[in-house]
PDB file of N, CA and C in Angstrom:
ATOM      1  N   MET A   1      -3.462 -11.474 -17.655  1.00  0.00           N
ATOM      2  CA  MET A   1      -2.771 -10.798 -16.460  1.00  0.00           C
ATOM      3  C   MET A   1      -1.955  -9.694 -16.974  1.00  0.00           C
ATOM      4  N   ALA A   2      -1.870  -8.539 -16.159  1.00  0.00           N
ATOM      5  CA  ALA A   2      -1.071  -7.483 -16.669  1.00  0.00           C
ATOM      6  C   ALA A   2      -0.244  -6.973 -15.416  1.00  0.00           C
ATOM      7  N   PHE A   3       0.956  -6.654 -15.751  1.00  0.00           N
ATOM      8  CA  PHE A   3       1.785  -6.134 -14.653  1.00  0.00           C
ATOM      9  C   PHE A   3       1.659  -4.520 -14.623  1.00  0.00           C
ATOM     10  N   LYS A   4       1.458  -4.014 -13.503  1.00  0.00           N
ATOM     11  CA  LYS A   4       1.250  -2.519 -13.458  1.00  0.00           C
ATOM     12  C   LYS A   4       1.866  -1.922 -12.210  1.00  0.00           C
ATOM     13  N   SER A   5       1.823  -0.637 -12.178  1.00  0.00           N
ATOM     14  CA  SER A   5       2.479   0.035 -10.940  1.00  0.00           C
ATOM     15  C   SER A   5       1.648   1.366 -10.715  1.00  0.00           C
ATOM     16  N   LEU A   6       1.743   1.878  -9.533  1.00  0.00           N
ATOM     17  CA  LEU A   6       1.142   3.081  -9.188  1.00  0.00           C
ATOM     18  C   LEU A   6       1.900   3.665  -8.017  1.00  0.00           C
ATOM     19  N   SER A   7       1.636   4.896  -7.716  1.00  0.00           N
ATOM     20  CA  SER A   7       2.197   5.536  -6.503  1.00  0.00           C
ATOM     21  C   SER A   7       0.981   6.191  -5.771  1.00  0.00           C
ATOM     22  N   LYS A   8       0.941   6.067  -4.410  1.00  0.00           N
ATOM     23  CA  LYS A   8      -0.106   6.590  -3.600  1.00  0.00           C
ATOM     24  C   LYS A   8       0.540   7.450  -2.449  1.00  0.00           C
ATOM     25  N   THR A   9       0.090   8.748  -2.434  1.00  0.00           N
ATOM     26  CA  THR A   9       0.583   9.689  -1.470  1.00  0.00           C
ATOM     27  C   THR A   9      -0.706   9.914  -0.415  1.00  0.00           C
ATOM     28  N   VAL A  10      -0.275  10.241   0.748  1.00  0.00           N
ATOM     29  CA  VAL A  10      -1.296  10.672   1.706  1.00  0.00           C
ATOM     30  C   VAL A  10      -1.163  12.235   1.901  1.00  0.00           C
ATOM     31  N   THR A  11      -2.224  12.937   1.290  1.00  0.00           N
ATOM     32  CA  THR A  11      -2.280  14.392   1.312  1.00  0.00           C
ATOM     33  C   THR A  11      -2.121  14.930   2.825  1.00  0.00           C
ATOM     34  N   SER A  12      -2.967  14.410   3.702  1.00  0.00           N
ATOM     35  CA  SER A  12      -2.758  14.959   5.092  1.00  0.00           C
ATOM     36  C   SER A  12      -2.517  13.797   6.092  1.00  0.00           C
ATOM     37  N   ALA A  13      -1.439  13.896   6.632  1.00  0.00           N
ATOM     38  CA  ALA A  13      -1.030  12.855   7.672  1.00  0.00           C
ATOM     39  C   ALA A  13      -2.111  12.537   8.545  1.00  0.00           C
ATOM     40  N   GLY A  14      -2.212  11.177   8.917  1.00  0.00           N
ATOM     41  CA  GLY A  14      -3.470  10.822   9.805  1.00  0.00           C
ATOM     42  C   GLY A  14      -4.688  10.537   9.166  1.00  0.00           C
ATOM     43  N   THR A  15      -4.680  10.593   7.810  1.00  0.00           N
ATOM     44  CA  THR A  15      -5.896  10.380   7.067  1.00  0.00           C
ATOM     45  C   THR A  15      -5.650   9.074   6.148  1.00  0.00           C
ATOM     46  N   GLN A  16      -6.471   8.133   6.445  1.00  0.00           N
ATOM     47  CA  GLN A  16      -6.380   6.787   5.622  1.00  0.00           C
ATOM     48  C   GLN A  16      -6.757   6.963   4.164  1.00  0.00           C
ATOM     49  N   VAL A  17      -5.956   6.368   3.311  1.00  0.00           N
ATOM     50  CA  VAL A  17      -6.309   6.527   1.765  1.00  0.00           C
ATOM     51  C   VAL A  17      -6.332   5.014   1.245  1.00  0.00           C
ATOM     52  N   ALA A  18      -7.394   4.689   0.483  1.00  0.00           N
ATOM     53  CA  ALA A  18      -7.386   3.408  -0.216  1.00  0.00           C
ATOM     54  C   ALA A  18      -6.256   3.429  -1.341  1.00  0.00           C
ATOM     55  N   LEU A  19      -5.534   2.317  -1.491  1.00  0.00           N
ATOM     56  CA  LEU A  19      -4.571   2.344  -2.704  1.00  0.00           C
ATOM     57  C   LEU A  19      -5.154   2.643  -3.950  1.00  0.00           C
ATOM     58  N   ALA A  20      -6.379   2.017  -4.267  1.00  0.00           N
ATOM     59  CA  ALA A  20      -6.966   2.255  -5.647  1.00  0.00           C
ATOM     60  C   ALA A  20      -8.476   1.872  -5.455  1.00  0.00           C
ATOM     61  N   SER A  21      -9.167   2.074  -6.608  1.00  0.00           N
ATOM     62  CA  SER A  21     -10.600   1.503  -6.695  1.00  0.00           C
ATOM     63  C   SER A  21     -10.440   0.015  -6.743  1.00  0.00           C
ATOM     64  N   SER A  22     -11.608  -0.690  -6.843  1.00  0.00           N
ATOM     65  CA  SER A  22     -11.563  -2.032  -6.816  1.00  0.00           C
ATOM     66  C   SER A  22     -10.682  -2.634  -7.928  1.00  0.00           C
ATOM     67  N   THR A  23      -9.595  -3.281  -7.569  1.00  0.00           N
ATOM     68  CA  THR A  23      -8.603  -3.851  -8.455  1.00  0.00           C
ATOM     69  C   THR A  23      -8.220  -5.242  -7.904  1.00  0.00           C
ATOM     70  N   LYS A  24      -8.523  -6.244  -8.400  1.00  0.00           N
ATOM     71  CA  LYS A  24      -8.000  -7.619  -7.913  1.00  0.00           C
ATOM     72  C   LYS A  24      -6.696  -7.883  -8.408  1.00  0.00           C
ATOM     73  N   VAL A  25      -5.829  -8.313  -7.487  1.00  0.00           N
ATOM     74  CA  VAL A  25      -4.437  -8.633  -7.833  1.00  0.00           C
ATOM     75  C   VAL A  25      -3.941 -10.138  -7.213  1.00  0.00           C
ATOM     76  N   SER A  26      -3.046 -10.586  -7.996  1.00  0.00           N
ATOM     77  CA  SER A  26      -2.530 -11.939  -7.534  1.00  0.00           C
ATOM     78  C   SER A  26      -1.258 -11.822  -6.782  1.00  0.00           C
ATOM     79  N   SER A  27      -0.508 -10.675  -7.004  1.00  0.00           N
ATOM     80  CA  SER A  27       0.738 -10.418  -6.271  1.00  0.00           C
ATOM     81  C   SER A  27       0.890  -8.893  -6.215  1.00  0.00           C
ATOM     82  N   LEU A  28       1.640  -8.447  -5.211  1.00  0.00           N
ATOM     83  CA  LEU A  28       2.051  -7.103  -5.220  1.00  0.00           C
ATOM     84  C   LEU A  28       3.287  -6.863  -4.332  1.00  0.00           C
ATOM     85  N   VAL A  29       3.992  -5.753  -4.648  1.00  0.00           N
ATOM     86  CA  VAL A  29       5.003  -5.286  -3.705  1.00  0.00           C
ATOM     87  C   VAL A  29       4.743  -3.867  -3.378  1.00  0.00           C
ATOM     88  N   MET A  30       4.836  -3.521  -2.148  1.00  0.00           N
ATOM     89  CA  MET A  30       4.720  -1.986  -1.749  1.00  0.00           C
ATOM     90  C   MET A  30       5.947  -1.607  -1.049  1.00  0.00           C
ATOM     91  N   LYS A  31       6.543  -0.454  -1.469  1.00  0.00           N
ATOM     92  CA  LYS A  31       7.608   0.126  -0.955  1.00  0.00           C
ATOM     93  C   LYS A  31       7.406   1.499  -0.522  1.00  0.00           C
ATOM     94  N   ALA A  32       7.881   1.827   0.697  1.00  0.00           N
ATOM     95  CA  ALA A  32       7.785   3.250   0.976  1.00  0.00           C
ATOM     96  C   ALA A  32       8.647   4.129   0.351  1.00  0.00           C
ATOM     97  N   MET A  33       8.189   5.248  -0.138  1.00  0.00           N
ATOM     98  CA  MET A  33       9.065   5.980  -1.090  1.00  0.00           C
ATOM     99  C   MET A  33      10.288   6.338  -0.360  1.00  0.00           C
ATOM    100  N   GLU A  34      11.538   6.394  -1.150  1.00  0.00           N
ATOM    101  CA  GLU A  34      12.736   6.622  -0.661  1.00  0.00           C
ATOM    102  C   GLU A  34      12.831   8.144  -0.056  1.00  0.00           C
ATOM    103  N   THR A  35      12.024   8.899  -0.561  1.00  0.00           N
ATOM    104  CA  THR A  35      12.139  10.339  -0.064  1.00  0.00           C
ATOM    105  C   THR A  35      11.382  10.632   1.248  1.00  0.00           C
ATOM    106  N   ASN A  36      10.596   9.653   1.611  1.00  0.00           N
ATOM    107  CA  ASN A  36       9.894   9.741   2.915  1.00  0.00           C
ATOM    108  C   ASN A  36      10.881  10.165   4.067  1.00  0.00           C
ATOM    109  N   THR A  37      10.203  10.905   4.923  1.00  0.00           N
ATOM    110  CA  THR A  37      11.011  11.349   6.199  1.00  0.00           C
ATOM    111  C   THR A  37      10.311  10.761   7.359  1.00  0.00           C
ATOM    112  N   GLY A  38       9.135  10.201   7.354  1.00  0.00           N
ATOM    113  CA  GLY A  38       8.365   9.638   8.475  1.00  0.00           C
ATOM    114  C   GLY A  38       8.007   8.319   8.036  1.00  0.00           C
ATOM    115  N   LEU A  39       7.226   7.661   9.062  1.00  0.00           N
ATOM    116  CA  LEU A  39       6.690   6.320   8.860  1.00  0.00           C
ATOM    117  C   LEU A  39       5.506   6.140   7.907  1.00  0.00           C
ATOM    118  N   ILE A  40       5.349   5.075   7.182  1.00  0.00           N
ATOM    119  CA  ILE A  40       4.262   4.729   6.457  1.00  0.00           C
ATOM    120  C   ILE A  40       3.496   3.653   6.982  1.00  0.00           C
ATOM    121  N   PHE A  41       2.125   3.634   7.196  1.00  0.00           N
ATOM    122  CA  PHE A  41       1.330   2.634   7.891  1.00  0.00           C
ATOM    123  C   PHE A  41       0.430   2.035   6.866  1.00  0.00           C
ATOM    124  N   LEU A  42       0.316   0.714   6.780  1.00  0.00           N
ATOM    125  CA  LEU A  42      -0.556   0.049   5.863  1.00  0.00           C
ATOM    126  C   LEU A  42      -1.384  -0.961   6.695  1.00  0.00           C
ATOM    127  N   GLY A  43      -2.746  -1.062   6.102  1.00  0.00           N
ATOM    128  CA  GLY A  43      -3.727  -1.918   6.861  1.00  0.00           C
ATOM    129  C   GLY A  43      -4.962  -1.782   6.121  1.00  0.00           C
ATOM    130  N   ASP A  44      -6.107  -1.990   6.882  1.00  0.00           N
ATOM    131  CA  ASP A  44      -7.417  -1.820   6.365  1.00  0.00           C
ATOM    132  C   ASP A  44      -7.962  -0.484   6.598  1.00  0.00           C
ATOM    133  N   SER A  45      -9.299  -0.247   6.544  1.00  0.00           N
ATOM    134  CA  SER A  45      -9.669   1.221   6.615  1.00  0.00           C
ATOM    135  C   SER A  45      -9.613   1.818   8.112  1.00  0.00           C
ATOM    136  N   THR A  46      -9.075   1.035   9.049  1.00  0.00           N
ATOM    137  CA  THR A  46      -8.885   1.463  10.359  1.00  0.00           C
ATOM    138  C   THR A  46      -7.414   1.877  10.717  1.00  0.00           C
ATOM    139  N   VAL A  47      -6.660   1.608   9.653  1.00  0.00           N
ATOM    140  CA  VAL A  47      -5.161   1.786   9.850  1.00  0.00           C
ATOM    141  C   VAL A  47      -4.912   3.288  10.529  1.00  0.00           C
ATOM    142  N   SER A  48      -3.991   3.227  11.459  1.00  0.00           N
ATOM    143  CA  SER A  48      -3.561   4.529  12.089  1.00  0.00           C
ATOM    144  C   SER A  48      -2.178   4.555  12.367  1.00  0.00           C
ATOM    145  N   SER A  49      -1.625   5.658  12.693  1.00  0.00           N
ATOM    146  CA  SER A  49      -0.157   5.884  12.971  1.00  0.00           C
ATOM    147  C   SER A  49       0.183   5.528  14.313  1.00  0.00           C
ATOM    148  N   SER A  50      -0.601   4.686  15.158  1.00  0.00           N
ATOM    149  CA  SER A  50      -0.300   4.101  16.493  1.00  0.00           C
ATOM    150  C   SER A  50       0.232   2.810  16.442  1.00  0.00           C
ATOM    151  N   THR A  51       0.413   2.257  15.214  1.00  0.00           N
ATOM    152  CA  THR A  51       1.158   0.924  15.054  1.00  0.00           C
ATOM    153  C   THR A  51       2.408   1.045  14.355  1.00  0.00           C
ATOM    154  N   GLY A  52       3.224   0.036  14.322  1.00  0.00           N
ATOM    155  CA  GLY A  52       4.465  -0.013  13.546  1.00  0.00           C
ATOM    156  C   GLY A  52       4.369   0.349  12.051  1.00  0.00           C
ATOM    157  N   GLY A  53       5.324   0.962  11.519  1.00  0.00           N
ATOM    158  CA  GLY A  53       5.243   1.280  10.072  1.00  0.00           C
ATOM    159  C   GLY A  53       6.516   1.165   9.379  1.00  0.00           C
ATOM    160  N   LEU A  54       6.462   1.416   7.961  1.00  0.00           N
ATOM    161  CA  LEU A  54       7.591   1.189   7.237  1.00  0.00           C
ATOM    162  C   LEU A  54       8.451   2.438   7.152  1.00  0.00           C
ATOM    163  N   THR A  55       9.800   2.445   7.091  1.00  0.00           N
ATOM    164  CA  THR A  55      10.626   3.503   7.052  1.00  0.00           C
ATOM    165  C   THR A  55      10.953   3.769   5.532  1.00  0.00           C
ATOM    166  N   ALA A  56      11.520   4.761   5.128  1.00  0.00           N
ATOM    167  CA  ALA A  56      11.822   5.035   3.710  1.00  0.00           C
ATOM    168  C   ALA A  56      12.598   3.842   3.027  1.00  0.00           C
ATOM    169  N   SER A  57      12.128   3.423   1.986  1.00  0.00           N
ATOM    170  CA  SER A  57      12.688   2.423   1.121  1.00  0.00           C
ATOM    171  C   SER A  57      12.347   0.960   1.625  1.00  0.00           C
ATOM    172  N   GLN A  58      11.664   0.863   2.809  1.00  0.00           N
ATOM    173  CA  GLN A  58      11.369  -0.583   3.258  1.00  0.00           C
ATOM    174  C   GLN A  58      10.185  -1.057   2.411  1.00  0.00           C
ATOM    175  N   ALA A  59      10.111  -2.371   2.153  1.00  0.00           N
ATOM    176  CA  ALA A  59       9.064  -3.023   1.300  1.00  0.00           C
ATOM    177  C   ALA A  59       8.505  -4.084   1.866  1.00  0.00           C
ATOM    178  N   ILE A  60       7.262  -4.469   1.451  1.00  0.00           N
ATOM    179  CA  ILE A  60       6.733  -5.709   1.747  1.00  0.00           C
ATOM    180  C   ILE A  60       6.043  -6.320   0.528  1.00  0.00           C
ATOM    181  N   SER A  61       5.806  -7.673   0.550  1.00  0.00           N
ATOM    182  CA  SER A  61       5.309  -8.276  -0.770  1.00  0.00           C
ATOM    183  C   SER A  61       4.208  -9.221  -0.358  1.00  0.00           C
ATOM    184  N   TRP A  62       3.324  -9.442  -1.234  1.00  0.00           N
ATOM    185  CA  TRP A  62       2.205 -10.466  -0.961  1.00  0.00           C
ATOM    186  C   TRP A  62       2.126 -11.242  -2.347  1.00  0.00           C
ATOM    187  N   GLU A  63       1.922 -12.555  -2.213  1.00  0.00           N
ATOM    188  CA  GLU A  63       1.532 -13.326  -3.424  1.00  0.00           C
ATOM    189  C   GLU A  63       0.505 -14.326  -3.127  1.00  0.00           C
ATOM    190  N   SER A  64      -0.472 -14.312  -3.954  1.00  0.00           N
ATOM    191  CA  SER A  64      -1.639 -15.359  -3.925  1.00  0.00           C
ATOM    192  C   SER A  64      -1.258 -16.764  -3.899  1.00  0.00           C
ATOM    193  N   ASP A  65      -1.874 -17.594  -3.121  1.00  0.00           N
ATOM    194  CA  ASP A  65      -1.759 -19.027  -3.226  1.00  0.00           C
ATOM    195  C   ASP A  65      -3.117 -19.631  -3.099  1.00  0.00           C
ATOM    196  N   ASN A  66      -3.319 -20.948  -3.294  1.00  0.00           N
ATOM    197  CA  ASN A  66      -4.666 -21.527  -3.282  1.00  0.00           C
ATOM    198  C   ASN A  66      -5.427 -21.260  -1.866  1.00  0.00           C
ATOM    199  N   ASN A  67      -4.664 -20.980  -0.938  1.00  0.00           N
ATOM    200  CA  ASN A  67      -5.285 -20.847   0.415  1.00  0.00           C
ATOM    201  C   ASN A  67      -5.724 -19.316   0.698  1.00  0.00           C
ATOM    202  N   ARG A  68      -5.115 -18.406   0.034  1.00  0.00           N
ATOM    203  CA  ARG A  68      -5.450 -17.012   0.296  1.00  0.00           C
ATOM    204  C   ARG A  68      -6.182 -16.253  -0.775  1.00  0.00           C
ATOM    205  N   GLY A  69      -6.173 -16.779  -1.938  1.00  0.00           N
ATOM    206  CA  GLY A  69      -7.009 -16.089  -2.999  1.00  0.00           C
ATOM    207  C   GLY A  69      -6.450 -14.711  -3.462  1.00  0.00           C
ATOM    208  N   LEU A  70      -7.271 -14.028  -4.164  1.00  0.00           N
ATOM    209  CA  LEU A  70      -7.015 -12.643  -4.685  1.00  0.00           C
ATOM    210  C   LEU A  70      -6.987 -11.508  -3.637  1.00  0.00           C
ATOM    211  N   LEU A  71      -6.356 -10.470  -3.823  1.00  0.00           N
ATOM    212  CA  LEU A  71      -6.346  -9.352  -2.879  1.00  0.00           C
ATOM    213  C   LEU A  71      -6.953  -8.110  -3.662  1.00  0.00           C
ATOM    214  N   ASP A  72      -7.754  -7.347  -3.022  1.00  0.00           N
ATOM    215  CA  ASP A  72      -8.295  -6.141  -3.716  1.00  0.00           C
ATOM    216  C   ASP A  72      -7.536  -4.978  -3.092  1.00  0.00           C
ATOM    217  N   LEU A  73      -6.992  -4.127  -4.109  1.00  0.00           N
ATOM    218  CA  LEU A  73      -6.224  -2.925  -3.700  1.00  0.00           C
ATOM    219  C   LEU A  73      -7.337  -1.977  -3.021  1.00  0.00           C
ATOM    220  N   ALA A  74      -8.577  -1.936  -3.194  1.00  0.00           N
ATOM    221  CA  ALA A  74      -9.570  -1.080  -2.560  1.00  0.00           C
ATOM    222  C   ALA A  74      -9.642  -1.445  -1.092  1.00  0.00           C
ATOM    223  N   ASP A  75      -9.210  -2.629  -0.623  1.00  0.00           N
ATOM    224  CA  ASP A  75      -9.241  -2.979   0.753  1.00  0.00           C
ATOM    225  C   ASP A  75      -7.946  -2.732   1.487  1.00  0.00           C
ATOM    226  N   ILE A  76      -6.944  -2.226   0.747  1.00  0.00           N
ATOM    227  CA  ILE A  76      -5.670  -1.823   1.465  1.00  0.00           C
ATOM    228  C   ILE A  76      -5.700  -0.311   1.586  1.00  0.00           C
ATOM    229  N   TYR A  77      -5.254   0.213   2.743  1.00  0.00           N
ATOM    230  CA  TYR A  77      -5.191   1.606   3.088  1.00  0.00           C
ATOM    231  C   TYR A  77      -3.755   1.956   3.448  1.00  0.00           C
ATOM    232  N   VAL A  78      -3.430   3.088   3.184  1.00  0.00           N
ATOM    233  CA  VAL A  78      -2.103   3.707   3.717  1.00  0.00           C
ATOM    234  C   VAL A  78      -2.266   5.074   4.434  1.00  0.00           C
ATOM    235  N   ASP A  79      -1.487   5.240   5.384  1.00  0.00           N
ATOM    236  CA  ASP A  79      -1.461   6.437   6.303  1.00  0.00           C
ATOM    237  C   ASP A  79       0.001   6.827   6.462  1.00  0.00           C
ATOM    238  N   SER A  80       0.192   8.053   6.586  1.00  0.00           N
ATOM    239  CA  SER A  80       1.546   8.502   6.842  1.00  0.00           C
ATOM    240  C   SER A  80       1.691   9.429   8.019  1.00  0.00           C
ATOM    241  N   ALA A  81       2.971   9.437   8.520  1.00  0.00           N
ATOM    242  CA  ALA A  81       3.233  10.307   9.643  1.00  0.00           C
ATOM    243  C   ALA A  81       3.494  11.794   9.241  1.00  0.00           C
ATOM    244  N   VAL A  82       3.734  11.919   7.890  1.00  0.00           N
ATOM    245  CA  VAL A  82       4.143  13.182   7.348  1.00  0.00           C
ATOM    246  C   VAL A  82       3.201  13.410   6.057  1.00  0.00           C
ATOM    247  N   SER A  83       2.553  14.520   6.021  1.00  0.00           N
ATOM    248  CA  SER A  83       1.722  14.858   4.861  1.00  0.00           C
ATOM    249  C   SER A  83       2.720  14.775   3.558  1.00  0.00           C
ATOM    250  N   GLY A  84       1.872  14.276   2.453  1.00  0.00           N
ATOM    251  CA  GLY A  84       2.620  14.324   1.205  1.00  0.00           C
ATOM    252  C   GLY A  84       3.490  13.096   0.979  1.00  0.00           C
ATOM    253  N   GLU A  85       3.601  12.167   1.963  1.00  0.00           N
ATOM    254  CA  GLU A  85       4.551  10.942   1.697  1.00  0.00           C
ATOM    255  C   GLU A  85       3.579   9.748   1.378  1.00  0.00           C
ATOM    256  N   GLY A  86       4.243   8.659   0.883  1.00  0.00           N
ATOM    257  CA  GLY A  86       3.468   7.596   0.547  1.00  0.00           C
ATOM    258  C   GLY A  86       4.250   6.299   0.104  1.00  0.00           C
ATOM    259  N   VAL A  87       3.621   5.579  -0.838  1.00  0.00           N
ATOM    260  CA  VAL A  87       4.225   4.322  -1.258  1.00  0.00           C
ATOM    261  C   VAL A  87       4.135   4.087  -2.779  1.00  0.00           C
ATOM    262  N   ASP A  88       5.140   3.362  -3.293  1.00  0.00           N
ATOM    263  CA  ASP A  88       5.043   2.849  -4.647  1.00  0.00           C
ATOM    264  C   ASP A  88       4.623   1.455  -4.587  1.00  0.00           C
ATOM    265  N   ILE A  89       3.823   1.136  -5.672  1.00  0.00           N
ATOM    266  CA  ILE A  89       3.126  -0.206  -5.654  1.00  0.00           C
ATOM    267  C   ILE A  89       3.479  -0.806  -7.031  1.00  0.00           C
ATOM    268  N   TRP A  90       3.894  -2.092  -7.064  1.00  0.00           N
ATOM    269  CA  TRP A  90       3.931  -2.880  -8.274  1.00  0.00           C
ATOM    270  C   TRP A  90       2.945  -4.153  -8.035  1.00  0.00           C
ATOM    271  N   TYR A  91       2.137  -4.472  -9.021  1.00  0.00           N
ATOM    272  CA  TYR A  91       1.253  -5.545  -8.895  1.00  0.00           C
ATOM    273  C   TYR A  91       0.912  -6.280 -10.151  1.00  0.00           C
ATOM    274  N   VAL A  92       0.571  -7.559 -10.017  1.00  0.00           N
ATOM    275  CA  VAL A  92       0.023  -8.274 -11.203  1.00  0.00           C
ATOM    276  C   VAL A  92      -1.607  -8.323 -10.969  1.00  0.00           C
ATOM    277  N   GLU A  93      -2.248  -7.618 -11.973  1.00  0.00           N
ATOM    278  CA  GLU A  93      -3.684  -7.673 -11.886  1.00  0.00           C
ATOM    279  C   GLU A  93      -4.299  -8.939 -12.437  1.00  0.00           C
ATOM    280  N   ALA A  94      -5.193  -9.423 -11.651  1.00  0.00           N
ATOM    281  CA  ALA A  94      -5.757 -10.648 -11.973  1.00  0.00           C
ATOM    282  C   ALA A  94      -6.749 -10.555 -13.260  1.00  0.00           C
ATOM    283  N   ALA A  95      -6.875 -11.568 -14.021  1.00  0.00           N
ATOM    284  CA  ALA A  95      -7.696 -11.617 -15.173  1.00  0.00           C
ATOM    285  C   ALA A  95      -9.207 -11.531 -14.815  1.00  0.00           C
TER     286      ALA A  95
END
């Protein structure tokens, strides 16, 4: 297992962007960048800015257990209300 991090920004507000190419993780923390001025939206490939979002510096976390299994960063998408804003991600890559 390896502990890694990345940042993902949305070039054009209203356009969903996958967090990464196929990368299986056992846990992760996603934090809206503290410089963001608008909301950040997380979800699958259908995520949009019509649902609730994270404000600057808000974070969510996820950890695998026997019932949930691994998560793939390619299945998580981010969108933003303001172009050029995004999230910072810290994760444990599965072996």
